């Protein structure tokens, strides 16, 4: 018998140790990517919140503007133009 049971068991043990270290590396990289993704989502939410605040401020500014004081007058007549459908299903 060219191989002894001890050598086979040592070989299997070595393979299991290498697999264990590989699994630890995969789990650690997954955790790092998850943390990085959650931080990017949080920063994107902050950017969206800032843009939403700017939008709401502009809407409030337009809503509270007195256009007659700025020299604008109300239109004397309103007319609507019939338009063709912009879709492919006509």
Protein backbone atom coordinates (compact mmCIF):
# COMPACT_ATOMS: atom_id res chain seq x y z
CA UNK A 1 0.00 0.00 0.00
CA UNK A 2 1.76 3.19 -1.20
CA UNK A 3 -0.38 5.57 0.92
CA UNK A 4 -0.97 5.27 4.58
CA UNK A 5 -4.20 6.27 6.28
CA UNK A 6 -2.36 9.01 8.17
CA UNK A 7 -1.16 10.67 4.95
CA UNK A 8 -4.65 10.57 3.45
CA UNK A 9 -6.16 12.08 6.58
CA UNK A 10 -3.47 14.79 6.69
CA UNK A 11 -4.18 15.61 3.04
CA UNK A 12 -7.93 15.86 3.66
CA UNK A 13 -7.26 17.98 6.75
CA UNK A 14 -5.05 20.35 4.72
CA UNK A 15 -7.74 20.70 2.05
CA UNK A 16 -10.35 21.46 4.71
CA UNK A 17 -8.11 24.13 6.31
CA UNK A 18 -7.55 25.80 2.94
CA UNK A 19 -11.29 25.68 2.24
CA UNK A 20 -11.98 27.18 5.65
CA UNK A 21 -9.65 30.11 4.96
CA UNK A 22 -11.21 30.59 1.52
CA UNK A 23 -14.70 30.72 3.05
CA UNK A 24 -13.53 33.26 5.63
CA UNK A 25 -12.12 35.42 2.81
CA UNK A 26 -15.40 35.21 0.88
CA UNK A 27 -17.47 36.15 3.93
CA UNK A 28 -15.20 39.08 4.80
CA UNK A 29 -15.28 40.45 1.25
CA UNK A 30 -19.08 40.07 1.19
CA UNK A 31 -19.35 41.98 4.46
CA UNK A 32 -17.09 44.75 3.15
CA UNK A 33 -19.16 45.07 -0.04
CA UNK A 34 -22.40 45.14 1.95
CA UNK A 35 -21.13 47.93 4.20
CA UNK A 36 -19.86 49.90 1.21
CA UNK A 37 -23.21 49.51 -0.57
CA UNK A 38 -25.20 50.63 2.47
CA UNK A 39 -22.96 53.70 2.82
CA UNK A 40 -23.44 54.60 -0.84
CA UNK A 41 -27.23 54.22 -0.46
CA UNK A 42 -27.15 56.50 2.57
CA UNK A 43 -25.13 59.15 0.73
CA UNK A 44 -27.47 58.90 -2.29
CA UNK A 45 -30.44 59.39 0.02
CA UNK A 46 -28.78 62.51 1.41
CA UNK A 47 -28.30 63.90 -2.11
CA UNK A 48 -31.94 63.17 -2.98
CA UNK A 49 -33.09 64.85 0.23
CA UNK A 50 -31.05 67.96 -0.60
CA UNK A 51 -32.49 68.10 -4.12
CA UNK A 52 -36.01 67.59 -2.76
CA UNK A 53 -35.50 70.49 -0.34
CA UNK A 54 -34.35 72.73 -3.19
CA UNK A 55 -37.37 71.68 -5.26
CA UNK A 56 -39.83 72.36 -2.44
CA UNK A 57 -38.23 75.76 -1.81
CA UNK A 58 -38.64 76.67 -5.49
CA UNK A 59 -42.26 75.48 -5.49
CA UNK A 60 -42.97 77.57 -2.41
CA UNK A 61 -41.27 80.57 -4.03
CA UNK A 62 -43.39 80.23 -7.19
CA UNK A 63 -46.56 79.65 -5.18
CA UNK A 64 -46.10 82.76 -3.06
CA UNK A 65 -45.01 85.07 -5.89
CA UNK A 66 -47.42 87.90 -6.67
CA UNK A 67 -47.26 87.95 -10.46
CA UNK A 68 -49.49 91.00 -10.80
CA UNK A 69 -46.99 92.99 -8.74
CA UNK A 70 -44.30 91.92 -11.20
CA UNK A 71 -46.28 93.32 -14.12
CA UNK A 72 -47.94 90.17 -15.41
CA UNK A 73 -51.62 90.23 -16.35
CA UNK A 74 -54.14 87.44 -16.60
CA UNK A 75 -54.84 86.20 -20.13
CA UNK A 76 -57.97 87.56 -21.75
CA UNK A 77 -58.78 84.26 -23.51
CA UNK A 78 -57.64 80.68 -23.22
CA UNK A 79 -57.54 78.40 -26.30
CA UNK A 80 -56.51 74.77 -26.47
CA UNK A 81 -54.97 73.20 -29.58
CA UNK A 82 -55.95 69.66 -30.55
CA UNK A 83 -52.77 67.65 -30.88
CA UNK A 84 -52.14 64.30 -32.51
CA UNK A 85 -51.29 61.39 -30.29
CA UNK A 86 -47.59 61.05 -29.62
CA UNK A 87 -47.75 57.29 -29.29
CA UNK A 88 -47.33 54.66 -31.97
CA UNK A 89 -50.89 53.39 -31.46
CA UNK A 90 -52.96 55.92 -33.40
